[in-house]
Amino acid sequence: MKTETYSLPAYWASYLINGDSSGLEQYEEDTGEELELDVIALCCDFAEATDKELLEYYNIDVSDCDGDDGTADTIQEFLEDKGAYVSRVNGKFVYRQF
């Protein structure tokens, strides 16, 4: 499996995670470039899944984990190792699909 790491500029990350578009607006003003949010591309590149779904999708070994917190930490570490972890929102992981 080939793993690629993407760096998301801070102004995009802030908008996607927090809904704060001020960084995007400032970028447009500074560069004179109008940005367009491609929702379809985001839906194809990123996903949201529960612990149980990720364990099933990626066959993550959690046999040494201690409870739900240990399982969540192991899943987060797995996604971080793949360069795919974005955030946890409402008990689900947001990640770049790979």
Protein backbone atom coordinates (compact mmCIF):
# COMPACT_ATOMS: atom_id res chain seq x y z
CA MET A 1 0.00 0.00 0.00
CA LYS A 2 1.35 3.41 -0.96
CA THR A 3 0.86 6.13 1.63
CA GLU A 4 1.01 9.81 0.79
CA THR A 5 1.06 12.65 3.26
CA TYR A 6 -0.74 15.87 2.47
CA SER A 7 -0.29 19.15 4.25
CA LEU A 8 -3.40 21.23 4.39
CA PRO A 9 -2.73 24.97 4.63
CA ALA A 10 -3.83 26.34 7.98
CA TYR A 11 -6.51 28.55 6.46
CA TRP A 12 -8.21 25.51 4.89
CA ALA A 13 -7.85 23.34 7.99
CA SER A 14 -9.38 26.02 10.18
CA TYR A 15 -12.31 26.38 7.82
CA LEU A 16 -12.93 22.64 7.46
CA ILE A 17 -12.62 21.80 11.14
CA ASN A 18 -13.92 24.94 12.84
CA GLY A 19 -16.00 26.64 10.13
CA ASP A 20 -13.79 29.76 10.41
CA SER A 21 -13.52 31.28 6.93
CA SER A 22 -11.57 34.41 7.93
CA GLY A 23 -8.26 32.80 6.90
CA LEU A 24 -9.67 31.95 3.47
CA GLU A 25 -10.95 35.47 2.99
CA GLN A 26 -7.58 36.92 4.04
CA TYR A 27 -5.78 34.59 1.61
CA GLU A 28 -8.04 35.78 -1.23
CA GLU A 29 -7.37 39.42 -0.35
CA ASP A 30 -3.60 38.87 -0.07
CA THR A 31 -3.23 36.94 -3.32
CA GLY A 32 -6.07 38.32 -5.42
CA GLU A 33 -7.00 34.69 -6.12
CA GLU A 34 -10.61 33.67 -5.62
CA LEU A 35 -10.91 30.29 -3.91
CA GLU A 36 -13.60 27.78 -4.71
CA LEU A 37 -14.57 25.00 -2.34
CA ASP A 38 -14.98 21.72 -4.23
CA VAL A 39 -17.32 19.80 -1.95
CA ILE A 40 -17.36 16.74 -4.20
CA ALA A 41 -13.56 16.45 -4.08
CA LEU A 42 -13.63 16.79 -0.28
CA CYS A 43 -16.27 14.06 -0.03
CA CYS A 44 -14.10 11.77 -2.16
CA ASP A 45 -10.87 12.53 -0.27
CA PHE A 46 -12.13 12.55 3.32
CA ALA A 47 -14.44 10.37 5.36
CA GLU A 48 -16.00 10.09 8.79
CA ALA A 49 -16.24 6.78 10.62
CA THR A 50 -16.82 5.30 14.07
CA ASP A 51 -14.23 3.28 15.96
CA LYS A 52 -16.03 0.06 15.05
CA GLU A 53 -16.15 0.95 11.34
CA LEU A 54 -12.43 1.81 11.21
CA LEU A 55 -11.50 -1.40 13.02
CA GLU A 56 -13.45 -3.33 10.37
CA TYR A 57 -12.22 -1.31 7.36
CA TYR A 58 -8.52 -1.46 8.21
CA ASN A 59 -8.26 -4.56 10.42
CA ILE A 60 -6.53 -2.58 13.21
CA ASP A 61 -5.19 -4.75 16.04
CA VAL A 62 -6.54 -3.50 19.36
CA SER A 63 -6.02 -6.70 21.34
CA ASP A 64 -3.58 -4.94 23.71
CA CYS A 65 -5.87 -1.95 24.30
CA ASP A 66 -7.36 -1.13 27.65
CA GLY A 67 -11.00 -0.07 27.19
CA ASP A 68 -12.60 2.37 24.76
CA ASP A 69 -10.05 5.13 25.36
CA GLY A 70 -7.18 2.79 24.53
CA THR A 71 -8.96 1.64 21.37
CA ALA A 72 -9.59 5.23 20.25
CA ASP A 73 -5.95 6.16 20.94
CA THR A 74 -4.74 3.17 18.92
CA ILE A 75 -7.01 4.06 15.99
CA GLN A 76 -5.87 7.67 16.10
CA GLU A 77 -2.21 6.57 16.14
CA PHE A 78 -2.88 4.24 13.18
CA LEU A 79 -4.42 7.09 11.17
CA GLU A 80 -1.62 9.48 12.15
CA ASP A 81 0.98 6.93 11.00
CA LYS A 82 -0.76 6.87 7.62
CA GLY A 83 -0.81 10.68 7.49
CA ALA A 84 -4.59 10.53 7.39
CA TYR A 85 -5.82 11.74 10.79
CA VAL A 86 -7.75 15.02 10.75
CA SER A 87 -9.86 15.17 13.90
CA ARG A 88 -12.49 13.56 16.10
CA VAL A 89 -15.95 15.07 15.85
CA ASN A 90 -18.99 13.86 17.79
CA GLY A 91 -17.32 10.55 18.60
CA LYS A 92 -16.30 9.84 15.00
CA PHE A 93 -12.94 10.05 13.30
CA VAL A 94 -12.52 12.41 10.35
CA TYR A 95 -9.70 11.17 8.13
CA ARG A 96 -8.24 11.29 4.65
CA GLN A 97 -9.15 8.09 2.85
CA PHE A 98 -6.26 5.92 1.71
